[in-house]
């Protein structure tokens, strides 16, 4: 892989990807999150815990699984982006969103 082939880095972090997966499927299992993103289940668990600690997620136990809730009004973490709510990012990158090019 060369530096210019576009695969050496991505714009979205694993934290953003985990949050998007949960946003689209609140009952998703950690095992499935890990598989969809290409990370280990243990790392997925750590990311979910960090997202909960910082207020982006909450969860309720439902049977043997979890039901997650994303808090869309929490701001992004970078000091220059704290006024941008995470819900805007999720709406932008959600698979269920319609493209708004040309609006």
N, C-alpha and C. Protein backbone atom coordinates (compact mmCIF):
# COMPACT_ATOMS: atom_id res chain seq x y z
N UNK A 1 0.85 -1.17 0.00
CA UNK A 1 0.00 0.00 0.00
C UNK A 1 0.90 1.24 0.00
N UNK A 2 0.65 2.15 -0.93
CA UNK A 2 1.42 3.38 -0.98
C UNK A 2 0.69 4.48 -0.25
N UNK A 3 1.40 5.56 0.02
CA UNK A 3 0.80 6.67 0.75
C UNK A 3 -0.34 7.32 -0.03
N UNK A 4 -0.32 7.28 -1.31
CA UNK A 4 -1.30 8.00 -2.12
C UNK A 4 -2.44 7.15 -2.63
N UNK A 5 -2.56 5.91 -2.19
CA UNK A 5 -3.61 5.05 -2.73
C UNK A 5 -4.95 5.23 -2.01
N UNK A 6 -5.01 6.07 -0.97
CA UNK A 6 -6.27 6.37 -0.31
C UNK A 6 -6.70 5.37 0.75
N UNK A 7 -5.96 4.31 0.95
CA UNK A 7 -6.36 3.30 1.92
C UNK A 7 -5.56 3.37 3.21
N UNK A 8 -4.63 4.29 3.32
CA UNK A 8 -3.80 4.34 4.51
C UNK A 8 -4.45 5.11 5.65
N UNK A 9 -5.56 5.85 5.37
CA UNK A 9 -6.28 6.57 6.41
C UNK A 9 -7.71 6.80 5.94
N UNK A 10 -8.59 7.13 6.87
CA UNK A 10 -9.98 7.40 6.53
C UNK A 10 -10.42 8.66 7.26
N UNK A 11 -11.50 9.27 6.81
CA UNK A 11 -12.03 10.47 7.44
C UNK A 11 -12.77 10.17 8.74
N UNK A 12 -13.39 9.02 8.82
CA UNK A 12 -14.19 8.68 10.00
C UNK A 12 -13.44 7.73 10.91
N UNK A 13 -13.51 7.99 12.20
CA UNK A 13 -12.87 7.13 13.18
C UNK A 13 -13.73 5.90 13.45
N UNK A 14 -13.17 4.93 14.14
CA UNK A 14 -13.95 3.77 14.55
C UNK A 14 -15.08 4.18 15.49
N UNK A 15 -14.85 5.20 16.30
CA UNK A 15 -15.91 5.67 17.20
C UNK A 15 -17.11 6.18 16.39
N UNK A 16 -16.84 6.94 15.35
CA UNK A 16 -17.92 7.45 14.50
C UNK A 16 -18.63 6.29 13.80
N UNK A 17 -17.88 5.33 13.33
CA UNK A 17 -18.48 4.18 12.64
C UNK A 17 -19.35 3.35 13.58
N UNK A 18 -18.87 3.11 14.81
CA UNK A 18 -19.67 2.37 15.79
C UNK A 18 -20.96 3.13 16.08
N UNK A 19 -20.86 4.42 16.28
CA UNK A 19 -22.05 5.22 16.57
C UNK A 19 -23.04 5.17 15.41
N UNK A 20 -22.55 5.20 14.18
CA UNK A 20 -23.46 5.13 13.03
C UNK A 20 -24.16 3.78 12.94
N UNK A 21 -23.42 2.70 13.22
CA UNK A 21 -24.03 1.37 13.19
C UNK A 21 -25.13 1.28 14.24
N UNK A 22 -24.86 1.77 15.43
CA UNK A 22 -25.85 1.73 16.51
C UNK A 22 -27.03 2.64 16.19
N UNK A 23 -26.77 3.79 15.62
CA UNK A 23 -27.83 4.72 15.22
C UNK A 23 -28.81 4.05 14.25
N UNK A 24 -28.28 3.26 13.34
CA UNK A 24 -29.11 2.60 12.34
C UNK A 24 -29.76 1.32 12.85
N UNK A 25 -29.21 0.72 13.92
CA UNK A 25 -29.76 -0.52 14.46
C UNK A 25 -29.52 -0.56 15.97
N UNK A 26 -30.43 0.02 16.76
CA UNK A 26 -30.22 0.14 18.22
C UNK A 26 -30.12 -1.19 18.97
N UNK A 27 -30.50 -2.31 18.36
CA UNK A 27 -30.39 -3.61 19.04
C UNK A 27 -29.20 -4.42 18.56
N UNK A 28 -28.31 -3.82 17.81
CA UNK A 28 -27.17 -4.53 17.23
C UNK A 28 -26.29 -5.12 18.34
N UNK A 29 -25.74 -6.30 18.07
CA UNK A 29 -24.83 -6.95 19.02
C UNK A 29 -23.40 -6.46 18.79
N UNK A 30 -22.61 -6.45 19.85
CA UNK A 30 -21.21 -6.04 19.73
C UNK A 30 -20.47 -6.87 18.70
N UNK A 31 -20.77 -8.15 18.66
CA UNK A 31 -20.14 -9.05 17.69
C UNK A 31 -20.41 -8.58 16.26
N UNK A 32 -21.64 -8.16 16.01
CA UNK A 32 -22.00 -7.69 14.67
C UNK A 32 -21.36 -6.34 14.35
N UNK A 33 -21.29 -5.46 15.36
CA UNK A 33 -20.61 -4.17 15.16
C UNK A 33 -19.17 -4.42 14.74
N UNK A 34 -18.50 -5.28 15.48
CA UNK A 34 -17.09 -5.57 15.21
C UNK A 34 -16.91 -6.11 13.79
N UNK A 35 -17.77 -7.02 13.40
CA UNK A 35 -17.65 -7.62 12.07
C UNK A 35 -17.90 -6.60 10.97
N UNK A 36 -18.92 -5.76 11.16
CA UNK A 36 -19.27 -4.77 10.12
C UNK A 36 -18.18 -3.72 9.95
N UNK A 37 -17.50 -3.37 11.02
CA UNK A 37 -16.50 -2.31 10.95
C UNK A 37 -15.10 -2.85 10.69
N UNK A 38 -14.88 -4.10 11.06
CA UNK A 38 -13.56 -4.69 10.86
C UNK A 38 -12.64 -4.47 12.05
N UNK A 39 -13.23 -4.53 13.25
CA UNK A 39 -12.46 -4.41 14.49
C UNK A 39 -12.76 -5.64 15.35
N UNK A 40 -12.03 -5.81 16.43
CA UNK A 40 -12.31 -6.94 17.31
C UNK A 40 -13.53 -6.63 18.18
N UNK A 41 -14.15 -7.68 18.67
CA UNK A 41 -15.30 -7.51 19.55
C UNK A 41 -14.90 -6.79 20.84
N UNK A 42 -13.73 -7.08 21.33
CA UNK A 42 -13.24 -6.43 22.55
C UNK A 42 -13.07 -4.92 22.32
N UNK A 43 -12.52 -4.55 21.16
CA UNK A 43 -12.35 -3.13 20.85
C UNK A 43 -13.71 -2.45 20.65
N UNK A 44 -14.65 -3.15 20.04
CA UNK A 44 -16.00 -2.61 19.88
C UNK A 44 -16.62 -2.34 21.26
N UNK A 45 -16.41 -3.25 22.19
CA UNK A 45 -16.91 -3.07 23.55
C UNK A 45 -16.28 -1.84 24.20
N UNK A 46 -15.00 -1.66 23.99
CA UNK A 46 -14.30 -0.49 24.55
C UNK A 46 -14.84 0.81 23.95
N UNK A 47 -15.05 0.83 22.64
CA UNK A 47 -15.56 2.03 21.97
C UNK A 47 -16.96 2.36 22.49
N UNK A 48 -17.82 1.36 22.61
CA UNK A 48 -19.17 1.58 23.12
C UNK A 48 -19.11 2.14 24.55
N UNK A 49 -18.24 1.59 25.37
CA UNK A 49 -18.09 2.09 26.75
C UNK A 49 -17.63 3.55 26.75
N UNK A 50 -16.69 3.89 25.88
CA UNK A 50 -16.22 5.27 25.80
C UNK A 50 -17.32 6.21 25.31
N UNK A 51 -18.11 5.75 24.35
CA UNK A 51 -19.23 6.57 23.86
C UNK A 51 -20.27 6.79 24.95
N UNK A 52 -20.49 5.77 25.79
CA UNK A 52 -21.41 5.92 26.91
C UNK A 52 -20.85 6.86 27.97
N UNK A 53 -19.57 6.72 28.28
CA UNK A 53 -18.93 7.58 29.28
C UNK A 53 -18.99 9.05 28.91
N UNK A 54 -18.93 9.34 27.63
CA UNK A 54 -18.92 10.73 27.17
C UNK A 54 -20.31 11.25 26.80
N UNK A 55 -21.34 10.43 27.00
CA UNK A 55 -22.71 10.90 26.82
C UNK A 55 -23.31 10.74 25.44
N UNK A 56 -22.60 10.12 24.52
CA UNK A 56 -23.14 9.93 23.17
C UNK A 56 -24.16 8.79 23.11
N UNK A 57 -24.06 7.84 24.03
CA UNK A 57 -24.92 6.66 24.04
C UNK A 57 -25.41 6.36 25.44
N UNK A 58 -26.57 5.74 25.50
CA UNK A 58 -27.04 5.08 26.71
C UNK A 58 -27.60 3.74 26.26
N UNK A 59 -27.79 2.83 27.21
CA UNK A 59 -28.39 1.55 26.83
C UNK A 59 -29.25 1.01 27.96
N UNK A 60 -30.21 0.19 27.56
CA UNK A 60 -31.05 -0.57 28.49
C UNK A 60 -30.86 -2.03 28.16
N UNK A 61 -30.86 -2.84 29.18
CA UNK A 61 -30.78 -4.28 28.99
C UNK A 61 -32.16 -4.79 28.58
N UNK A 62 -32.22 -5.54 27.49
CA UNK A 62 -33.47 -6.12 27.00
C UNK A 62 -33.20 -7.61 26.80
N UNK A 63 -33.71 -8.42 27.71
CA UNK A 63 -33.43 -9.85 27.64
C UNK A 63 -31.94 -10.08 27.77
N UNK A 64 -31.38 -10.77 26.78
CA UNK A 64 -29.93 -11.04 26.79
C UNK A 64 -29.15 -10.00 26.00
N UNK A 65 -29.83 -9.04 25.43
CA UNK A 65 -29.16 -8.04 24.61
C UNK A 65 -29.33 -6.64 25.17
N UNK A 66 -28.92 -5.67 24.38
CA UNK A 66 -29.02 -4.27 24.76
C UNK A 66 -29.83 -3.50 23.73
N UNK A 67 -30.48 -2.46 24.19
CA UNK A 67 -31.13 -1.49 23.30
C UNK A 67 -30.40 -0.17 23.56
N UNK A 68 -29.74 0.33 22.52
CA UNK A 68 -28.96 1.55 22.65
C UNK A 68 -29.78 2.76 22.20
N UNK A 69 -29.48 3.90 22.81
CA UNK A 69 -30.06 5.17 22.41
C UNK A 69 -28.93 6.17 22.19
N UNK A 70 -28.91 6.77 21.03
CA UNK A 70 -27.93 7.80 20.71
C UNK A 70 -28.48 9.14 21.20
N UNK A 71 -27.63 9.94 21.80
CA UNK A 71 -28.00 11.29 22.26
C UNK A 71 -27.60 12.28 21.16
N UNK A 72 -28.52 12.63 20.26
CA UNK A 72 -28.16 13.41 19.08
C UNK A 72 -27.76 14.85 19.35
N UNK A 73 -28.03 15.37 20.53
CA UNK A 73 -27.72 16.78 20.80
C UNK A 73 -26.35 17.01 21.41
N UNK A 74 -25.60 15.94 21.67
CA UNK A 74 -24.25 16.09 22.23
C UNK A 74 -23.33 16.61 21.12
N UNK A 75 -22.49 17.58 21.47
CA UNK A 75 -21.58 18.18 20.50
C UNK A 75 -20.40 17.29 20.19
N UNK A 76 -19.78 17.56 19.05
CA UNK A 76 -18.56 16.85 18.68
C UNK A 76 -17.46 17.22 19.67
N UNK A 77 -16.43 16.43 19.75
CA UNK A 77 -15.41 16.60 20.79
C UNK A 77 -14.32 17.62 20.48
N UNK A 78 -14.02 17.84 19.24
CA UNK A 78 -12.95 18.78 18.89
C UNK A 78 -13.38 20.20 19.27
N UNK A 79 -12.49 20.99 19.88
CA UNK A 79 -12.87 22.34 20.31
C UNK A 79 -13.48 23.21 19.21
N UNK A 80 -13.06 23.05 17.99
CA UNK A 80 -13.62 23.85 16.88
C UNK A 80 -14.97 23.33 16.40
N UNK A 81 -15.39 22.16 16.87
CA UNK A 81 -16.62 21.53 16.38
C UNK A 81 -17.63 21.27 17.48
N UNK A 82 -17.39 21.77 18.68
CA UNK A 82 -18.27 21.47 19.81
C UNK A 82 -19.68 22.00 19.64
N UNK A 83 -19.87 22.99 18.76
CA UNK A 83 -21.22 23.50 18.53
C UNK A 83 -21.99 22.68 17.50
N UNK A 84 -21.35 21.68 16.91
CA UNK A 84 -22.00 20.80 15.95
C UNK A 84 -22.51 19.56 16.70
N UNK A 85 -23.81 19.33 16.62
CA UNK A 85 -24.39 18.18 17.31
C UNK A 85 -24.13 16.90 16.54
N UNK A 86 -23.89 15.82 17.29
CA UNK A 86 -23.58 14.52 16.68
C UNK A 86 -24.72 14.05 15.76
N UNK A 87 -25.94 14.45 16.05
CA UNK A 87 -27.07 14.07 15.21
C UNK A 87 -26.92 14.54 13.78
N UNK A 88 -26.30 15.69 13.58
CA UNK A 88 -26.06 16.21 12.22
C UNK A 88 -25.13 15.28 11.45
N UNK A 89 -24.08 14.83 12.12
CA UNK A 89 -23.14 13.91 11.48
C UNK A 89 -23.82 12.59 11.15
N UNK A 90 -24.61 12.09 12.08
CA UNK A 90 -25.30 10.82 11.87
C UNK A 90 -26.30 10.92 10.73
N UNK A 91 -27.02 12.03 10.67
CA UNK A 91 -27.96 12.23 9.56
C UNK A 91 -27.23 12.28 8.22
N UNK A 92 -26.08 12.92 8.22
CA UNK A 92 -25.31 13.06 6.99
C UNK A 92 -24.81 11.71 6.47
N UNK A 93 -24.34 10.87 7.39
CA UNK A 93 -23.73 9.61 6.98
C UNK A 93 -24.63 8.39 7.11
N UNK A 94 -25.84 8.57 7.56
CA UNK A 94 -26.75 7.45 7.72
C UNK A 94 -27.06 6.81 6.38
N UNK A 95 -27.04 5.49 6.35
CA UNK A 95 -27.35 4.76 5.12
C UNK A 95 -28.78 5.00 4.66
N UNK A 96 -29.66 5.36 5.60
CA UNK A 96 -31.05 5.58 5.24
C UNK A 96 -31.32 7.00 4.77
N UNK A 97 -30.31 7.87 4.83
CA UNK A 97 -30.50 9.26 4.41
C UNK A 97 -30.47 9.37 2.89
N UNK A 98 -31.30 10.24 2.39
CA UNK A 98 -31.31 10.53 0.96
C UNK A 98 -30.23 11.56 0.66
N UNK A 99 -29.51 11.42 -0.43
CA UNK A 99 -28.51 12.43 -0.77
C UNK A 99 -29.18 13.76 -1.06
N UNK A 100 -28.53 14.84 -0.63
CA UNK A 100 -29.12 16.17 -0.83
C UNK A 100 -28.28 17.02 -1.76
N UNK A 101 -27.54 16.39 -2.67
CA UNK A 101 -26.71 17.12 -3.61
C UNK A 101 -27.60 17.97 -4.50
N UNK A 102 -27.25 19.23 -4.65
CA UNK A 102 -27.99 20.13 -5.53
C UNK A 102 -29.09 20.89 -4.82
N UNK A 103 -29.28 20.67 -3.53
CA UNK A 103 -30.34 21.41 -2.81
C UNK A 103 -29.82 22.75 -2.40
